[in-house]
């Protein structure tokens, strides 16, 4: 039997920051399950990208963790301008 891989919110944030330079990211462990997370990412890199493209960038940043340690992920992405305009509440 193989060991269950566990990932902490800080590691989720680190991986996203590493892949999406100059982003602001927050990862929350939902339900204290260590495999259900919600991430909010604000990045200039999202300018001109569709929501699907933005989410793909986040999933790509998490790589293998999406196939092992993370069972469920809620992704919220915004450009800095959207964040300044208070649009986070519209995607929650």
C-alpha atoms as a PDB file:
ATOM      1  CA  UNK A   1       0.000   0.000   0.000  1.00  0.00           C
ATOM      2  CA  UNK A   2       1.401   3.420  -0.915  1.00  0.00           C
ATOM      3  CA  UNK A   3       1.490   6.368   1.474  1.00  0.00           C
ATOM      4  CA  UNK A   4      -1.094   9.087   0.962  1.00  0.00           C
ATOM      5  CA  UNK A   5       0.501  12.289  -0.282  1.00  0.00           C
ATOM      6  CA  UNK A   6      -0.417  15.370   1.742  1.00  0.00           C
ATOM      7  CA  UNK A   7       0.077  18.976   0.690  1.00  0.00           C
ATOM      8  CA  UNK A   8      -0.171  22.023   2.922  1.00  0.00           C
ATOM      9  CA  UNK A   9      -1.736  25.361   1.868  1.00  0.00           C
ATOM     10  CA  UNK A  10       1.693  27.014   2.009  1.00  0.00           C
ATOM     11  CA  UNK A  11       3.034  24.511  -0.528  1.00  0.00           C
ATOM     12  CA  UNK A  12       0.047  25.145  -2.806  1.00  0.00           C
ATOM     13  CA  UNK A  13       0.790  28.887  -2.617  1.00  0.00           C
ATOM     14  CA  UNK A  14       4.516  28.350  -3.225  1.00  0.00           C
ATOM     15  CA  UNK A  15       3.918  26.295  -6.372  1.00  0.00           C
ATOM     16  CA  UNK A  16       1.544  28.896  -7.796  1.00  0.00           C
ATOM     17  CA  UNK A  17       3.897  31.798  -6.980  1.00  0.00           C
ATOM     18  CA  UNK A  18       6.757  29.948  -8.604  1.00  0.00           C
ATOM     19  CA  UNK A  19       4.808  29.380 -11.830  1.00  0.00           C
ATOM     20  CA  UNK A  20       2.977  32.723 -12.008  1.00  0.00           C
ATOM     21  CA  UNK A  21       5.502  35.460 -11.176  1.00  0.00           C
ATOM     22  CA  UNK A  22       4.391  38.512  -9.201  1.00  0.00           C
ATOM     23  CA  UNK A  23       1.034  37.012  -8.284  1.00  0.00           C
ATOM     24  CA  UNK A  24      -0.808  37.330  -5.005  1.00  0.00           C
ATOM     25  CA  UNK A  25      -2.188  33.994  -3.888  1.00  0.00           C
ATOM     26  CA  UNK A  26      -4.157  32.642  -0.982  1.00  0.00           C
ATOM     27  CA  UNK A  27      -4.805  28.935  -0.436  1.00  0.00           C
ATOM     28  CA  UNK A  28      -7.317  27.673   2.097  1.00  0.00           C
ATOM     29  CA  UNK A  29      -7.663  24.064   3.223  1.00  0.00           C
ATOM     30  CA  UNK A  30     -11.406  23.379   3.060  1.00  0.00           C
ATOM     31  CA  UNK A  31     -12.998  21.032   5.588  1.00  0.00           C
ATOM     32  CA  UNK A  32      -9.605  20.333   7.258  1.00  0.00           C
ATOM     33  CA  UNK A  33      -9.282  17.486   4.806  1.00  0.00           C
ATOM     34  CA  UNK A  34      -5.773  18.280   3.466  1.00  0.00           C
ATOM     35  CA  UNK A  35      -6.977  17.462  -0.048  1.00  0.00           C
ATOM     36  CA  UNK A  36      -9.748  20.035  -0.692  1.00  0.00           C
ATOM     37  CA  UNK A  37      -8.524  23.575  -1.334  1.00  0.00           C
ATOM     38  CA  UNK A  38      -9.739  26.970  -2.446  1.00  0.00           C
ATOM     39  CA  UNK A  39      -7.216  29.272  -4.106  1.00  0.00           C
ATOM     40  CA  UNK A  40      -7.560  32.918  -5.036  1.00  0.00           C
ATOM     41  CA  UNK A  41      -4.913  34.236  -7.418  1.00  0.00           C
ATOM     42  CA  UNK A  42      -4.449  37.846  -8.555  1.00  0.00           C
ATOM     43  CA  UNK A  43      -1.919  38.269 -11.370  1.00  0.00           C
ATOM     44  CA  UNK A  44      -0.955  40.598 -14.202  1.00  0.00           C
ATOM     45  CA  UNK A  45      -0.287  37.420 -16.186  1.00  0.00           C
ATOM     46  CA  UNK A  46      -4.065  36.955 -16.436  1.00  0.00           C
ATOM     47  CA  UNK A  47      -4.543  40.141 -18.496  1.00  0.00           C
ATOM     48  CA  UNK A  48      -5.974  39.214 -21.888  1.00  0.00           C
ATOM     49  CA  UNK A  49      -6.618  35.598 -20.866  1.00  0.00           C
ATOM     50  CA  UNK A  50      -9.997  33.926 -20.653  1.00  0.00           C
ATOM     51  CA  UNK A  51     -11.128  32.459 -17.340  1.00  0.00           C
ATOM     52  CA  UNK A  52     -10.395  28.999 -18.746  1.00  0.00           C
ATOM     53  CA  UNK A  53      -6.839  30.034 -19.655  1.00  0.00           C
ATOM     54  CA  UNK A  54      -6.344  31.571 -16.208  1.00  0.00           C
ATOM     55  CA  UNK A  55      -7.523  28.403 -14.483  1.00  0.00           C
ATOM     56  CA  UNK A  56      -5.319  26.261 -16.718  1.00  0.00           C
ATOM     57  CA  UNK A  57      -2.327  28.327 -15.573  1.00  0.00           C
ATOM     58  CA  UNK A  58      -3.185  27.584 -11.945  1.00  0.00           C
ATOM     59  CA  UNK A  59      -3.732  23.860 -12.591  1.00  0.00           C
ATOM     60  CA  UNK A  60      -0.447  23.694 -14.512  1.00  0.00           C
ATOM     61  CA  UNK A  61       1.338  25.346 -11.591  1.00  0.00           C
ATOM     62  CA  UNK A  62       0.123  22.599  -9.267  1.00  0.00           C
ATOM     63  CA  UNK A  63       1.217  19.874 -11.665  1.00  0.00           C
ATOM     64  CA  UNK A  64       1.404  16.388 -10.171  1.00  0.00           C
ATOM     65  CA  UNK A  65      -0.310  17.511  -6.960  1.00  0.00           C
ATOM     66  CA  UNK A  66      -3.559  17.672  -8.948  1.00  0.00           C
ATOM     67  CA  UNK A  67      -3.248  13.951  -9.673  1.00  0.00           C
ATOM     68  CA  UNK A  68      -2.235  12.917  -6.178  1.00  0.00           C
ATOM     69  CA  UNK A  69      -2.468  15.193  -3.138  1.00  0.00           C
ATOM     70  CA  UNK A  70      -5.318  17.489  -4.244  1.00  0.00           C
ATOM     71  CA  UNK A  71      -8.716  15.881  -4.669  1.00  0.00           C
ATOM     72  CA  UNK A  72     -10.815  19.047  -5.113  1.00  0.00           C
ATOM     73  CA  UNK A  73      -9.866  22.615  -5.990  1.00  0.00           C
ATOM     74  CA  UNK A  74     -11.947  25.795  -6.142  1.00  0.00           C
ATOM     75  CA  UNK A  75     -10.102  28.372  -8.269  1.00  0.00           C
ATOM     76  CA  UNK A  76     -10.771  32.121  -8.264  1.00  0.00           C
ATOM     77  CA  UNK A  77      -8.637  34.237 -10.578  1.00  0.00           C
ATOM     78  CA  UNK A  78      -8.514  37.973 -11.171  1.00  0.00           C
ATOM     79  CA  UNK A  79      -6.334  40.558 -12.815  1.00  0.00           C
ATOM     80  CA  UNK A  80      -5.081  43.312 -10.498  1.00  0.00           C
ATOM     81  CA  UNK A  81      -7.558  45.731 -12.109  1.00  0.00           C
ATOM     82  CA  UNK A  82     -10.471  43.377 -11.417  1.00  0.00           C
ATOM     83  CA  UNK A  83      -9.292  43.039  -7.832  1.00  0.00           C
ATOM     84  CA  UNK A  84      -9.025  46.839  -7.414  1.00  0.00           C
ATOM     85  CA  UNK A  85     -12.568  47.208  -8.762  1.00  0.00           C
ATOM     86  CA  UNK A  86     -13.801  44.792  -6.098  1.00  0.00           C
ATOM     87  CA  UNK A  87     -14.785  42.037  -8.503  1.00  0.00           C
ATOM     88  CA  UNK A  88     -13.722  39.247  -6.137  1.00  0.00           C
ATOM     89  CA  UNK A  89     -17.173  39.333  -4.573  1.00  0.00           C
ATOM     90  CA  UNK A  90     -18.709  38.669  -7.999  1.00  0.00           C
ATOM     91  CA  UNK A  91     -16.885  35.357  -8.396  1.00  0.00           C
ATOM     92  CA  UNK A  92     -17.522  34.073  -4.878  1.00  0.00           C
END
